[in-house]
Amino acid sequence: MTEVMDRSSYYVLSKFYDLQENKAFVWVFVLVVLLFFAYAWYCTSKGYDFTGFVKKKGSWVQIGCTK
């Protein structure tokens, strides 16, 4: 019985440590999503339409903010 509990606790702890290692990736992803929604709000508050498409124009990128 204790062997089963040891295995299960090892499994749970290993999953927890894997999550800890990927925490930076999760926070970067959350930050990108929040910035996307903030830009959409900014774009619509200025009277533009936000499409969400990414277009490359010359040396810069336009992210779906059109009149």
PDB file of N, CA and C in Angstrom:
ATOM      1  N   MET A   1       0.815  -1.200   0.000  1.00  0.00           N
ATOM      2  CA  MET A   1       0.000   0.000   0.000  1.00  0.00           C
ATOM      3  C   MET A   1       0.860   1.265   0.000  1.00  0.00           C
ATOM      4  N   THR A   2       1.908   1.264   0.765  1.00  0.00           N
ATOM      5  CA  THR A   2       2.766   2.453   0.807  1.00  0.00           C
ATOM      6  C   THR A   2       3.487   2.654  -0.518  1.00  0.00           C
ATOM      7  N   GLU A   3       3.756   1.586  -1.235  1.00  0.00           N
ATOM      8  CA  GLU A   3       4.415   1.721  -2.532  1.00  0.00           C
ATOM      9  C   GLU A   3       3.504   2.448  -3.525  1.00  0.00           C
ATOM     10  N   VAL A   4       2.241   2.155  -3.485  1.00  0.00           N
ATOM     11  CA  VAL A   4       1.280   2.837  -4.363  1.00  0.00           C
ATOM     12  C   VAL A   4       1.200   4.317  -4.004  1.00  0.00           C
ATOM     13  N   MET A   5       1.183   4.620  -2.731  1.00  0.00           N
ATOM     14  CA  MET A   5       1.136   6.021  -2.310  1.00  0.00           C
ATOM     15  C   MET A   5       2.420   6.754  -2.681  1.00  0.00           C
ATOM     16  N   ASP A   6       3.556   6.074  -2.568  1.00  0.00           N
ATOM     17  CA  ASP A   6       4.819   6.688  -2.966  1.00  0.00           C
ATOM     18  C   ASP A   6       4.846   6.988  -4.457  1.00  0.00           C
ATOM     19  N   ARG A   7       4.368   6.057  -5.243  1.00  0.00           N
ATOM     20  CA  ARG A   7       4.331   6.266  -6.696  1.00  0.00           C
ATOM     21  C   ARG A   7       3.394   7.410  -7.057  1.00  0.00           C
ATOM     22  N   SER A   8       2.231   7.440  -6.435  1.00  0.00           N
ATOM     23  CA  SER A   8       1.275   8.495  -6.759  1.00  0.00           C
ATOM     24  C   SER A   8       1.783   9.861  -6.311  1.00  0.00           C
ATOM     25  N   SER A   9       2.413   9.938  -5.151  1.00  0.00           N
ATOM     26  CA  SER A   9       2.948  11.226  -4.706  1.00  0.00           C
ATOM     27  C   SER A   9       4.114  11.665  -5.594  1.00  0.00           C
ATOM     28  N   TYR A  10       4.929  10.708  -6.049  1.00  0.00           N
ATOM     29  CA  TYR A  10       6.014  11.043  -6.964  1.00  0.00           C
ATOM     30  C   TYR A  10       5.447  11.569  -8.287  1.00  0.00           C
ATOM     31  N   TYR A  11       4.384  10.952  -8.779  1.00  0.00           N
ATOM     32  CA  TYR A  11       3.760  11.383 -10.026  1.00  0.00           C
ATOM     33  C   TYR A  11       3.212  12.804  -9.897  1.00  0.00           C
ATOM     34  N   VAL A  12       2.517  13.074  -8.813  1.00  0.00           N
ATOM     35  CA  VAL A  12       1.945  14.405  -8.613  1.00  0.00           C
ATOM     36  C   VAL A  12       3.048  15.453  -8.477  1.00  0.00           C
ATOM     37  N   LEU A  13       4.084  15.149  -7.730  1.00  0.00           N
ATOM     38  CA  LEU A  13       5.176  16.109  -7.559  1.00  0.00           C
ATOM     39  C   LEU A  13       5.929  16.350  -8.856  1.00  0.00           C
ATOM     40  N   SER A  14       6.117  15.307  -9.652  1.00  0.00           N
ATOM     41  CA  SER A  14       6.818  15.492 -10.921  1.00  0.00           C
ATOM     42  C   SER A  14       5.996  16.366 -11.869  1.00  0.00           C
ATOM     43  N   LYS A  15       4.673  16.206 -11.868  1.00  0.00           N
ATOM     44  CA  LYS A  15       3.826  17.065 -12.687  1.00  0.00           C
ATOM     45  C   LYS A  15       3.876  18.515 -12.190  1.00  0.00           C
ATOM     46  N   PHE A  16       3.927  18.695 -10.890  1.00  0.00           N
ATOM     47  CA  PHE A  16       4.023  20.038 -10.322  1.00  0.00           C
ATOM     48  C   PHE A  16       5.333  20.702 -10.725  1.00  0.00           C
ATOM     49  N   TYR A  17       6.440  19.976 -10.676  1.00  0.00           N
ATOM     50  CA  TYR A  17       7.727  20.553 -11.059  1.00  0.00           C
ATOM     51  C   TYR A  17       7.789  20.842 -12.550  1.00  0.00           C
ATOM     52  N   ASP A  18       7.138  20.018 -13.367  1.00  0.00           N
ATOM     53  CA  ASP A  18       7.071  20.315 -14.798  1.00  0.00           C
ATOM     54  C   ASP A  18       6.303  21.609 -15.034  1.00  0.00           C
ATOM     55  N   LEU A  19       5.243  21.826 -14.299  1.00  0.00           N
ATOM     56  CA  LEU A  19       4.490  23.061 -14.415  1.00  0.00           C
ATOM     57  C   LEU A  19       5.340  24.253 -13.988  1.00  0.00           C
ATOM     58  N   GLN A  20       6.127  24.090 -12.957  1.00  0.00           N
ATOM     59  CA  GLN A  20       6.998  25.168 -12.490  1.00  0.00           C
ATOM     60  C   GLN A  20       8.014  25.553 -13.568  1.00  0.00           C
ATOM     61  N   GLU A  21       8.533  24.567 -14.311  1.00  0.00           N
ATOM     62  CA  GLU A  21       9.515  24.859 -15.348  1.00  0.00           C
ATOM     63  C   GLU A  21       8.881  25.600 -16.512  1.00  0.00           C
ATOM     64  N   ASN A  22       7.622  25.346 -16.805  1.00  0.00           N
ATOM     65  CA  ASN A  22       6.944  25.976 -17.932  1.00  0.00           C
ATOM     66  C   ASN A  22       6.184  27.237 -17.536  1.00  0.00           C
ATOM     67  N   LYS A  23       6.372  27.691 -16.336  1.00  0.00           N
ATOM     68  CA  LYS A  23       5.627  28.850 -15.845  1.00  0.00           C
ATOM     69  C   LYS A  23       5.957  30.115 -16.642  1.00  0.00           C
ATOM     70  N   ALA A  24       7.202  30.284 -17.031  1.00  0.00           N
ATOM     71  CA  ALA A  24       7.583  31.471 -17.800  1.00  0.00           C
ATOM     72  C   ALA A  24       6.867  31.484 -19.146  1.00  0.00           C
ATOM     73  N   PHE A  25       6.766  30.350 -19.792  1.00  0.00           N
ATOM     74  CA  PHE A  25       6.065  30.262 -21.070  1.00  0.00           C
ATOM     75  C   PHE A  25       4.593  30.622 -20.907  1.00  0.00           C
ATOM     76  N   VAL A  26       3.978  30.151 -19.846  1.00  0.00           N
ATOM     77  CA  VAL A  26       2.567  30.435 -19.595  1.00  0.00           C
ATOM     78  C   VAL A  26       2.363  31.935 -19.390  1.00  0.00           C
ATOM     79  N   TRP A  27       3.239  32.581 -18.626  1.00  0.00           N
ATOM     80  CA  TRP A  27       3.091  34.013 -18.377  1.00  0.00           C
ATOM     81  C   TRP A  27       3.317  34.837 -19.638  1.00  0.00           C
ATOM     82  N   VAL A  28       4.248  34.422 -20.487  1.00  0.00           N
ATOM     83  CA  VAL A  28       4.466  35.131 -21.752  1.00  0.00           C
ATOM     84  C   VAL A  28       3.229  35.002 -22.636  1.00  0.00           C
ATOM     85  N   PHE A  29       2.640  33.820 -22.688  1.00  0.00           N
ATOM     86  CA  PHE A  29       1.431  33.607 -23.480  1.00  0.00           C
ATOM     87  C   PHE A  29       0.282  34.466 -22.955  1.00  0.00           C
ATOM     88  N   VAL A  30       0.109  34.519 -21.647  1.00  0.00           N
ATOM     89  CA  VAL A  30      -0.950  35.338 -21.047  1.00  0.00           C
ATOM     90  C   VAL A  30      -0.715  36.818 -21.365  1.00  0.00           C
ATOM     91  N   LEU A  31       0.523  37.255 -21.298  1.00  0.00           N
ATOM     92  CA  LEU A  31       0.847  38.643 -21.608  1.00  0.00           C
ATOM     93  C   LEU A  31       0.530  38.981 -23.060  1.00  0.00           C
ATOM     94  N   VAL A  32       0.847  38.099 -23.982  1.00  0.00           N
ATOM     95  CA  VAL A  32       0.556  38.337 -25.396  1.00  0.00           C
ATOM     96  C   VAL A  32      -0.955  38.424 -25.630  1.00  0.00           C
ATOM     97  N   VAL A  33      -1.709  37.548 -25.005  1.00  0.00           N
ATOM     98  CA  VAL A  33      -3.169  37.574 -25.156  1.00  0.00           C
ATOM     99  C   VAL A  33      -3.741  38.870 -24.581  1.00  0.00           C
ATOM    100  N   LEU A  34      -3.258  39.289 -23.432  1.00  0.00           N
ATOM    101  CA  LEU A  34      -3.745  40.541 -22.836  1.00  0.00           C
ATOM    102  C   LEU A  34      -3.400  41.756 -23.701  1.00  0.00           C
ATOM    103  N   LEU A  35      -2.202  41.758 -24.262  1.00  0.00           N
ATOM    104  CA  LEU A  35      -1.822  42.860 -25.147  1.00  0.00           C
ATOM    105  C   LEU A  35      -2.680  42.888 -26.407  1.00  0.00           C
ATOM    106  N   PHE A  36      -3.035  41.719 -26.924  1.00  0.00           N
ATOM    107  CA  PHE A  36      -3.891  41.633 -28.096  1.00  0.00           C
ATOM    108  C   PHE A  36      -5.255  42.259 -27.808  1.00  0.00           C
ATOM    109  N   PHE A  37      -5.849  41.909 -26.660  1.00  0.00           N
ATOM    110  CA  PHE A  37      -7.147  42.473 -26.305  1.00  0.00           C
ATOM    111  C   PHE A  37      -7.049  43.964 -25.975  1.00  0.00           C
ATOM    112  N   ALA A  38      -5.958  44.383 -25.372  1.00  0.00           N
ATOM    113  CA  ALA A  38      -5.775  45.807 -25.077  1.00  0.00           C
ATOM    114  C   ALA A  38      -5.655  46.603 -26.364  1.00  0.00           C
ATOM    115  N   TYR A  39      -4.946  46.066 -27.338  1.00  0.00           N
ATOM    116  CA  TYR A  39      -4.816  46.760 -28.622  1.00  0.00           C
ATOM    117  C   TYR A  39      -6.159  46.795 -29.353  1.00  0.00           C
ATOM    118  N   ALA A  40      -6.927  45.733 -29.255  1.00  0.00           N
ATOM    119  CA  ALA A  40      -8.259  45.705 -29.871  1.00  0.00           C
ATOM    120  C   ALA A  40      -9.159  46.764 -29.234  1.00  0.00           C
ATOM    121  N   TRP A  41      -9.096  46.899 -27.916  1.00  0.00           N
ATOM    122  CA  TRP A  41      -9.890  47.918 -27.227  1.00  0.00           C
ATOM    123  C   TRP A  41      -9.439  49.315 -27.640  1.00  0.00           C
ATOM    124  N   TYR A  42      -8.132  49.538 -27.696  1.00  0.00           N
ATOM    125  CA  TYR A  42      -7.593  50.835 -28.095  1.00  0.00           C
ATOM    126  C   TYR A  42      -8.029  51.187 -29.517  1.00  0.00           C
ATOM    127  N   CYS A  43      -7.946  50.213 -30.391  1.00  0.00           N
ATOM    128  CA  CYS A  43      -8.285  50.432 -31.798  1.00  0.00           C
ATOM    129  C   CYS A  43      -9.762  50.798 -31.948  1.00  0.00           C
ATOM    130  N   THR A  44     -10.629  50.089 -31.272  1.00  0.00           N
ATOM    131  CA  THR A  44     -12.059  50.372 -31.384  1.00  0.00           C
ATOM    132  C   THR A  44     -12.443  51.662 -30.657  1.00  0.00           C
ATOM    133  N   SER A  45     -11.717  52.018 -29.611  1.00  0.00           N
ATOM    134  CA  SER A  45     -12.037  53.252 -28.898  1.00  0.00           C
ATOM    135  C   SER A  45     -11.673  54.491 -29.721  1.00  0.00           C
ATOM    136  N   LYS A  46     -10.764  54.346 -30.667  1.00  0.00           N
ATOM    137  CA  LYS A  46     -10.381  55.450 -31.551  1.00  0.00           C
ATOM    138  C   LYS A  46     -11.266  55.524 -32.795  1.00  0.00           C
ATOM    139  N   GLY A  47     -12.249  54.616 -32.922  1.00  0.00           N
ATOM    140  CA  GLY A  47     -13.170  54.654 -34.046  1.00  0.00           C
ATOM    141  C   GLY A  47     -12.770  53.768 -35.202  1.00  0.00           C
ATOM    142  N   TYR A  48     -11.740  52.970 -35.048  1.00  0.00           N
ATOM    143  CA  TYR A  48     -11.305  52.063 -36.099  1.00  0.00           C
ATOM    144  C   TYR A  48     -11.993  50.706 -35.939  1.00  0.00           C
ATOM    145  N   ASP A  49     -11.904  49.876 -36.960  1.00  0.00           N
ATOM    146  CA  ASP A  49     -12.382  48.500 -36.889  1.00  0.00           C
ATOM    147  C   ASP A  49     -11.190  47.584 -36.631  1.00  0.00           C
ATOM    148  N   PHE A  50     -11.340  46.694 -35.692  1.00  0.00           N
ATOM    149  CA  PHE A  50     -10.261  45.758 -35.387  1.00  0.00           C
ATOM    150  C   PHE A  50     -10.583  44.417 -36.019  1.00  0.00           C
ATOM    151  N   THR A  51      -9.737  43.970 -36.965  1.00  0.00           N
ATOM    152  CA  THR A  51      -9.969  42.695 -37.644  1.00  0.00           C
ATOM    153  C   THR A  51      -9.132  41.571 -37.069  1.00  0.00           C
ATOM    154  N   GLY A  52      -7.990  41.887 -36.502  1.00  0.00           N
ATOM    155  CA  GLY A  52      -7.123  40.859 -35.940  1.00  0.00           C
ATOM    156  C   GLY A  52      -6.133  40.275 -36.932  1.00  0.00           C
ATOM    157  N   PHE A  53      -6.195  40.709 -38.188  1.00  0.00           N
ATOM    158  CA  PHE A  53      -5.266  40.200 -39.195  1.00  0.00           C
ATOM    159  C   PHE A  53      -3.931  40.914 -39.088  1.00  0.00           C
ATOM    160  N   VAL A  54      -2.868  40.200 -39.433  1.00  0.00           N
ATOM    161  CA  VAL A  54      -1.522  40.768 -39.405  1.00  0.00           C
ATOM    162  C   VAL A  54      -1.053  40.926 -40.843  1.00  0.00           C
ATOM    163  N   LYS A  55      -0.704  42.163 -41.224  1.00  0.00           N
ATOM    164  CA  LYS A  55      -0.217  42.433 -42.575  1.00  0.00           C
ATOM    165  C   LYS A  55       1.177  43.032 -42.478  1.00  0.00           C
ATOM    166  N   LYS A  56       2.059  42.564 -43.327  1.00  0.00           N
ATOM    167  CA  LYS A  56       3.400  43.139 -43.366  1.00  0.00           C
ATOM    168  C   LYS A  56       3.445  44.175 -44.470  1.00  0.00           C
ATOM    169  N   LYS A  57       3.759  45.394 -44.099  1.00  0.00           N
ATOM    170  CA  LYS A  57       3.853  46.497 -45.062  1.00  0.00           C
ATOM    171  C   LYS A  57       5.246  47.097 -44.974  1.00  0.00           C
ATOM    172  N   GLY A  58       6.068  46.751 -45.922  1.00  0.00           N
ATOM    173  CA  GLY A  58       7.418  47.291 -45.943  1.00  0.00           C
ATOM    174  C   GLY A  58       8.239  46.785 -44.775  1.00  0.00           C
ATOM    175  N   SER A  59       8.678  47.697 -43.938  1.00  0.00           N
ATOM    176  CA  SER A  59       9.533  47.311 -42.821  1.00  0.00           C
ATOM    177  C   SER A  59       8.778  47.276 -41.493  1.00  0.00           C
ATOM    178  N   TRP A  60       7.449  47.374 -41.525  1.00  0.00           N
ATOM    179  CA  TRP A  60       6.672  47.329 -40.285  1.00  0.00           C
ATOM    180  C   TRP A  60       5.456  46.436 -40.464  1.00  0.00           C
ATOM    181  N   VAL A  61       4.775  46.152 -39.384  1.00  0.00           N
ATOM    182  CA  VAL A  61       3.638  45.232 -39.377  1.00  0.00           C
ATOM    183  C   VAL A  61       2.396  45.984 -38.921  1.00  0.00           C
ATOM    184  N   GLN A  62       1.295  45.813 -39.661  1.00  0.00           N
ATOM    185  CA  GLN A  62       0.016  46.413 -39.296  1.00  0.00           C
ATOM    186  C   GLN A  62      -0.876  45.306 -38.746  1.00  0.00           C
ATOM    187  N   ILE A  63      -1.433  45.520 -37.572  1.00  0.00           N
ATOM    188  CA  ILE A  63      -2.270  44.496 -36.937  1.00  0.00           C
ATOM    189  C   ILE A  63      -3.704  44.946 -36.966  1.00  0.00           C
ATOM    190  N   GLY A  64      -4.417  44.674 -38.018  1.00  0.00           N
ATOM    191  CA  GLY A  64      -5.851  44.774 -38.165  1.00  0.00           C
ATOM    192  C   GLY A  64      -6.581  45.964 -37.620  1.00  0.00           C
ATOM    193  N   CYS A  65      -6.017  47.143 -37.693  1.00  0.00           N
ATOM    194  CA  CYS A  65      -6.709  48.343 -37.223  1.00  0.00           C
ATOM    195  C   CYS A  65      -6.970  49.194 -38.458  1.00  0.00           C
ATOM    196  N   THR A  66      -8.211  49.122 -39.002  1.00  0.00           N
ATOM    197  CA  THR A  66      -8.523  49.812 -40.247  1.00  0.00           C
ATOM    198  C   THR A  66      -9.738  50.709 -40.078  1.00  0.00           C
ATOM    199  N   LYS A  67      -9.845  51.704 -40.920  1.00  0.00           N
ATOM    200  CA  LYS A  67     -11.006  52.609 -40.920  1.00  0.00           C
ATOM    201  C   LYS A  67     -12.097  52.018 -41.742  1.00  0.00           C
TER     202      LYS A  67
END
